[in-house]
N, C-alpha and C. Protein backbone atom coordinates (compact mmCIF):
# COMPACT_ATOMS: atom_id res chain seq x y z
N VAL A 1 162.98 94.12 88.49
CA VAL A 1 163.72 92.92 88.87
C VAL A 1 164.94 93.30 89.70
N GLU A 2 165.67 94.32 89.28
CA GLU A 2 166.89 94.71 89.99
C GLU A 2 166.58 95.13 91.42
N ASP A 3 165.48 95.85 91.62
CA ASP A 3 165.07 96.29 92.96
C ASP A 3 164.75 95.07 93.83
N ARG A 4 164.07 94.09 93.26
CA ARG A 4 163.72 92.87 93.98
C ARG A 4 164.98 92.13 94.43
N VAL A 5 165.96 92.03 93.56
CA VAL A 5 167.21 91.35 93.88
C VAL A 5 167.96 92.09 94.99
N LYS A 6 167.96 93.40 94.92
CA LYS A 6 168.62 94.19 95.97
C LYS A 6 167.96 93.97 97.32
N LYS A 7 166.65 93.95 97.35
CA LYS A 7 165.92 93.74 98.60
C LYS A 7 166.18 92.35 99.16
N GLN A 8 166.17 91.35 98.28
CA GLN A 8 166.45 89.99 98.75
C GLN A 8 167.88 89.87 99.28
N HIS A 9 168.80 90.53 98.60
CA HIS A 9 170.19 90.51 99.06
C HIS A 9 170.31 91.18 100.44
N LEU A 10 169.60 92.27 100.63
CA LEU A 10 169.58 92.93 101.93
C LEU A 10 169.06 91.96 103.00
N GLY A 11 168.01 91.22 102.69
CA GLY A 11 167.48 90.23 103.62
C GLY A 11 168.50 89.16 103.97
N GLU A 12 169.27 88.70 102.95
CA GLU A 12 170.31 87.70 103.20
C GLU A 12 171.38 88.25 104.13
N ILE A 13 171.75 89.50 103.92
CA ILE A 13 172.75 90.15 104.78
C ILE A 13 172.22 90.24 106.21
N LEU A 14 170.95 90.62 106.36
CA LEU A 14 170.35 90.71 107.69
C LEU A 14 170.35 89.36 108.39
N ALA A 15 170.04 88.31 107.65
CA ALA A 15 170.01 86.96 108.25
C ALA A 15 171.37 86.57 108.79
N ARG A 16 172.42 86.98 108.11
CA ARG A 16 173.78 86.65 108.56
C ARG A 16 174.29 87.61 109.63
N SER A 17 173.62 88.74 109.80
CA SER A 17 174.08 89.76 110.73
C SER A 17 173.63 89.53 112.16
N PHE A 18 172.61 88.72 112.33
CA PHE A 18 172.05 88.47 113.66
C PHE A 18 172.20 86.99 113.97
N GLU A 19 172.86 86.67 115.08
CA GLU A 19 173.06 85.29 115.45
C GLU A 19 171.84 84.75 116.18
N HIS A 20 171.44 83.54 115.83
CA HIS A 20 170.31 82.95 116.54
C HIS A 20 170.80 82.10 117.71
N THR A 21 169.90 81.87 118.65
CA THR A 21 170.22 81.07 119.83
C THR A 21 169.31 79.86 119.86
N LYS A 22 169.52 79.00 120.85
CA LYS A 22 168.65 77.83 120.99
C LYS A 22 167.22 78.25 121.34
N GLU A 23 167.11 79.37 122.05
CA GLU A 23 165.79 79.84 122.48
C GLU A 23 165.06 80.60 121.39
N GLU A 24 165.81 81.25 120.51
CA GLU A 24 165.20 82.15 119.54
C GLU A 24 165.94 82.05 118.20
N TYR A 25 165.27 81.49 117.19
CA TYR A 25 165.93 81.34 115.89
C TYR A 25 166.09 82.69 115.19
N ILE A 26 165.05 83.50 115.23
CA ILE A 26 165.17 84.86 114.72
C ILE A 26 165.20 85.78 115.94
N PRO A 27 166.33 86.42 116.19
CA PRO A 27 166.46 87.26 117.38
C PRO A 27 165.47 88.43 117.37
N ILE A 28 165.12 88.87 118.56
CA ILE A 28 164.13 89.93 118.72
C ILE A 28 164.50 91.19 117.93
N GLU A 29 165.78 91.52 117.88
CA GLU A 29 166.21 92.72 117.15
C GLU A 29 165.87 92.62 115.67
N LEU A 30 166.06 91.44 115.11
CA LEU A 30 165.73 91.25 113.69
C LEU A 30 164.22 91.21 113.49
N LYS A 31 163.50 90.63 114.42
CA LYS A 31 162.03 90.62 114.33
C LYS A 31 161.50 92.05 114.27
N ILE A 32 162.00 92.90 115.14
CA ILE A 32 161.58 94.30 115.17
C ILE A 32 161.92 94.98 113.84
N LEU A 33 163.13 94.75 113.36
CA LEU A 33 163.57 95.36 112.11
C LEU A 33 162.71 94.91 110.93
N LEU A 34 162.38 93.64 110.89
CA LEU A 34 161.53 93.12 109.80
C LEU A 34 160.16 93.77 109.80
N GLU A 35 159.61 94.02 110.97
CA GLU A 35 158.32 94.70 111.05
C GLU A 35 158.43 96.15 110.57
N GLU A 36 159.54 96.79 110.90
CA GLU A 36 159.74 98.18 110.46
C GLU A 36 159.95 98.27 108.95
N ILE A 37 160.70 97.33 108.40
CA ILE A 37 160.96 97.33 106.95
C ILE A 37 159.69 96.94 106.19
N ASP A 38 158.99 95.91 106.68
CA ASP A 38 157.72 95.47 106.12
C ASP A 38 157.77 95.30 104.59
N ASP A 39 158.66 94.40 104.14
CA ASP A 39 158.83 94.18 102.71
C ASP A 39 158.96 92.69 102.42
N LEU A 40 158.11 92.17 101.56
CA LEU A 40 158.08 90.75 101.23
C LEU A 40 159.41 90.27 100.65
N GLU A 41 160.04 91.05 99.79
CA GLU A 41 161.30 90.63 99.18
C GLU A 41 162.42 90.56 100.21
N VAL A 42 162.45 91.48 101.15
CA VAL A 42 163.46 91.43 102.23
C VAL A 42 163.22 90.16 103.05
N ASN A 43 161.95 89.87 103.35
CA ASN A 43 161.63 88.66 104.11
C ASN A 43 162.08 87.40 103.37
N LYS A 44 161.88 87.37 102.05
CA LYS A 44 162.36 86.24 101.25
C LYS A 44 163.87 86.11 101.38
N GLY A 45 164.55 87.24 101.35
CA GLY A 45 166.01 87.23 101.48
C GLY A 45 166.46 86.71 102.83
N VAL A 46 165.73 87.05 103.89
CA VAL A 46 166.07 86.54 105.22
C VAL A 46 165.93 85.02 105.23
N TYR A 47 164.85 84.52 104.65
CA TYR A 47 164.66 83.06 104.56
C TYR A 47 165.82 82.42 103.79
N ILE A 48 166.15 82.98 102.64
CA ILE A 48 167.24 82.45 101.82
C ILE A 48 168.55 82.48 102.60
N GLY A 49 168.80 83.59 103.29
CA GLY A 49 170.04 83.72 104.06
C GLY A 49 170.15 82.68 105.15
N TYR A 50 169.05 82.44 105.88
CA TYR A 50 169.08 81.42 106.93
C TYR A 50 169.28 80.03 106.34
N GLN A 51 168.60 79.74 105.24
CA GLN A 51 168.73 78.43 104.62
C GLN A 51 170.15 78.20 104.09
N ASN A 52 170.72 79.23 103.49
CA ASN A 52 172.07 79.10 102.95
C ASN A 52 173.14 79.02 104.03
N ASN A 53 172.82 79.48 105.21
CA ASN A 53 173.78 79.51 106.31
C ASN A 53 173.74 78.26 107.17
N ARG A 54 172.93 77.31 106.83
CA ARG A 54 172.76 76.12 107.68
C ARG A 54 173.98 75.24 107.75
N GLY A 55 174.83 75.28 106.75
CA GLY A 55 176.03 74.45 106.77
C GLY A 55 175.76 73.04 106.28
N VAL A 56 176.71 72.16 106.56
CA VAL A 56 176.63 70.78 106.09
C VAL A 56 175.55 70.04 106.88
N ARG A 57 174.79 69.27 106.15
CA ARG A 57 173.71 68.50 106.75
C ARG A 57 173.86 67.05 106.31
N THR A 58 173.78 66.12 107.26
CA THR A 58 173.88 64.71 106.91
C THR A 58 172.48 64.12 106.76
N VAL A 59 172.38 63.11 105.93
CA VAL A 59 171.09 62.46 105.71
C VAL A 59 170.87 61.45 106.82
N THR A 60 169.77 61.60 107.54
CA THR A 60 169.41 60.69 108.62
C THR A 60 168.01 60.14 108.34
N ASP A 61 167.33 59.72 109.37
CA ASP A 61 165.96 59.23 109.20
C ASP A 61 164.95 60.36 109.17
N GLY A 62 165.43 61.60 109.21
CA GLY A 62 164.56 62.76 109.14
C GLY A 62 164.19 63.36 110.48
N SER A 63 164.53 62.66 111.57
CA SER A 63 164.12 63.15 112.90
C SER A 63 164.77 64.49 113.28
N PRO A 64 166.04 64.77 112.92
CA PRO A 64 166.57 66.10 113.25
C PRO A 64 165.82 67.23 112.55
N GLU A 65 165.41 66.99 111.32
CA GLU A 65 164.67 68.01 110.56
C GLU A 65 163.27 68.21 111.13
N ILE A 66 162.65 67.12 111.59
CA ILE A 66 161.33 67.24 112.22
C ILE A 66 161.45 68.04 113.51
N ALA A 67 162.49 67.75 114.30
CA ALA A 67 162.70 68.49 115.55
C ALA A 67 162.92 69.98 115.26
N ARG A 68 163.67 70.27 114.21
CA ARG A 68 163.90 71.67 113.82
C ARG A 68 162.59 72.33 113.41
N ALA A 69 161.78 71.62 112.63
CA ALA A 69 160.49 72.16 112.18
C ALA A 69 159.59 72.47 113.38
N LEU A 70 159.55 71.57 114.34
CA LEU A 70 158.71 71.79 115.52
C LEU A 70 159.17 73.02 116.31
N LYS A 71 160.47 73.17 116.44
CA LYS A 71 161.03 74.32 117.15
C LYS A 71 160.68 75.61 116.41
N LEU A 72 160.82 75.62 115.11
CA LEU A 72 160.50 76.80 114.31
C LEU A 72 159.01 77.14 114.39
N GLU A 73 158.16 76.12 114.33
CA GLU A 73 156.71 76.34 114.44
C GLU A 73 156.34 76.90 115.82
N GLU A 74 157.00 76.39 116.84
CA GLU A 74 156.75 76.88 118.20
C GLU A 74 157.12 78.37 118.32
N GLU A 75 158.29 78.72 117.77
CA GLU A 75 158.71 80.12 117.81
C GLU A 75 157.75 81.00 117.00
N ALA A 76 157.28 80.48 115.88
CA ALA A 76 156.33 81.24 115.05
C ALA A 76 155.05 81.53 115.83
N LYS A 77 154.55 80.54 116.57
CA LYS A 77 153.34 80.75 117.37
C LYS A 77 153.56 81.81 118.44
N LEU A 78 154.74 81.80 119.05
CA LEU A 78 155.04 82.74 120.13
C LEU A 78 155.14 84.18 119.65
N CYS A 79 155.52 84.37 118.39
CA CYS A 79 155.76 85.74 117.92
C CYS A 79 154.76 86.23 116.89
N GLU A 80 153.75 85.43 116.55
CA GLU A 80 152.86 85.78 115.44
C GLU A 80 152.05 87.05 115.66
N ILE A 81 151.73 87.41 116.88
CA ILE A 81 150.94 88.62 117.13
C ILE A 81 151.79 89.88 116.97
N MET A 82 152.94 89.90 117.65
CA MET A 82 153.78 91.10 117.62
C MET A 82 154.68 91.19 116.38
N TYR A 83 155.07 90.02 115.85
CA TYR A 83 156.03 90.00 114.74
C TYR A 83 155.55 89.06 113.63
N PRO A 84 154.48 89.41 112.93
CA PRO A 84 153.94 88.51 111.91
C PRO A 84 154.90 88.21 110.76
N ALA A 85 155.75 89.16 110.40
CA ALA A 85 156.71 88.90 109.31
C ALA A 85 157.68 87.80 109.70
N ALA A 86 158.21 87.88 110.91
CA ALA A 86 159.12 86.85 111.40
C ALA A 86 158.40 85.51 111.53
N ALA A 87 157.17 85.52 112.01
CA ALA A 87 156.40 84.29 112.15
C ALA A 87 156.22 83.61 110.78
N GLN A 88 155.95 84.40 109.76
CA GLN A 88 155.78 83.83 108.42
C GLN A 88 157.09 83.21 107.91
N ILE A 89 158.20 83.89 108.14
CA ILE A 89 159.50 83.34 107.74
C ILE A 89 159.75 82.02 108.47
N LEU A 90 159.48 81.99 109.76
CA LEU A 90 159.68 80.78 110.56
C LEU A 90 158.81 79.64 110.04
N ARG A 91 157.57 79.94 109.66
CA ARG A 91 156.69 78.89 109.13
C ARG A 91 157.20 78.35 107.80
N VAL A 92 157.70 79.22 106.95
CA VAL A 92 158.26 78.77 105.67
C VAL A 92 159.48 77.89 105.92
N MET A 93 160.33 78.29 106.86
CA MET A 93 161.51 77.49 107.21
C MET A 93 161.08 76.14 107.77
N ALA A 94 160.05 76.11 108.60
CA ALA A 94 159.55 74.86 109.17
C ALA A 94 159.05 73.94 108.07
N GLY A 95 158.32 74.50 107.12
CA GLY A 95 157.83 73.70 105.99
C GLY A 95 158.97 73.10 105.19
N SER A 96 160.00 73.89 105.00
CA SER A 96 161.18 73.40 104.28
C SER A 96 161.84 72.24 105.05
N SER A 97 161.92 72.39 106.37
CA SER A 97 162.51 71.32 107.19
C SER A 97 161.67 70.05 107.12
N ARG A 98 160.36 70.20 107.12
CA ARG A 98 159.48 69.02 107.02
C ARG A 98 159.66 68.31 105.67
N ARG A 99 159.79 69.08 104.60
CA ARG A 99 160.04 68.46 103.28
C ARG A 99 161.39 67.75 103.25
N GLU A 100 162.40 68.37 103.84
CA GLU A 100 163.72 67.74 103.90
C GLU A 100 163.67 66.46 104.73
N ALA A 101 162.90 66.46 105.81
CA ALA A 101 162.76 65.27 106.65
C ALA A 101 162.15 64.12 105.85
N ALA A 102 161.13 64.43 105.07
CA ALA A 102 160.48 63.39 104.26
C ALA A 102 161.46 62.82 103.23
N MET A 103 162.24 63.70 102.61
CA MET A 103 163.24 63.23 101.63
C MET A 103 164.32 62.40 102.31
N ASP A 104 164.77 62.85 103.49
CA ASP A 104 165.79 62.11 104.24
C ASP A 104 165.29 60.71 104.60
N LYS A 105 164.05 60.65 105.07
CA LYS A 105 163.48 59.36 105.47
C LYS A 105 163.41 58.41 104.28
N GLU A 106 162.96 58.94 103.16
CA GLU A 106 162.87 58.11 101.95
C GLU A 106 164.27 57.65 101.51
N ASP A 107 165.24 58.55 101.51
CA ASP A 107 166.61 58.19 101.13
C ASP A 107 167.17 57.11 102.05
N LYS A 108 166.91 57.24 103.34
CA LYS A 108 167.39 56.24 104.30
C LYS A 108 166.76 54.88 104.02
N LEU A 109 165.47 54.86 103.76
CA LEU A 109 164.80 53.59 103.45
C LEU A 109 165.35 52.96 102.18
N ILE A 110 165.64 53.80 101.19
CA ILE A 110 166.23 53.29 99.93
C ILE A 110 167.62 52.75 100.19
N ASN A 111 168.43 53.52 100.95
CA ASN A 111 169.80 53.09 101.25
C ASN A 111 169.83 51.81 102.10
N ASP A 112 168.84 51.63 102.93
CA ASP A 112 168.76 50.44 103.78
C ASP A 112 168.14 49.25 103.03
N GLY A 113 167.72 49.47 101.79
CA GLY A 113 167.15 48.40 100.98
C GLY A 113 165.70 48.07 101.31
N ILE A 114 165.05 48.94 102.05
CA ILE A 114 163.66 48.68 102.43
C ILE A 114 162.71 49.11 101.32
N LEU A 115 163.07 50.16 100.59
CA LEU A 115 162.25 50.61 99.45
C LEU A 115 162.91 50.25 98.15
């Protein structure tokens, strides 16, 4: 268990160490590093680190989260051959964004008195 926690913590540190851009959510340097490390627990930590670093999020109709999911899925497709570890992280993040979008949409409908 302790080794798993250390690896996940390392992944969180890596996620905060590399800044993402509009063009690339996981920078190429981190993609390369993830392939070299090749460890599921580190990859989980990177996902956790990115999710925890998102900052304040407001509840909308879910469209910003859907747009984020589409962008993440697109990046995953572009890198899946050379960087499968990064592609998997991006897909998990996209799935999380899609779930958040569904919850946001439902909350908005409830708040608007439609549901």
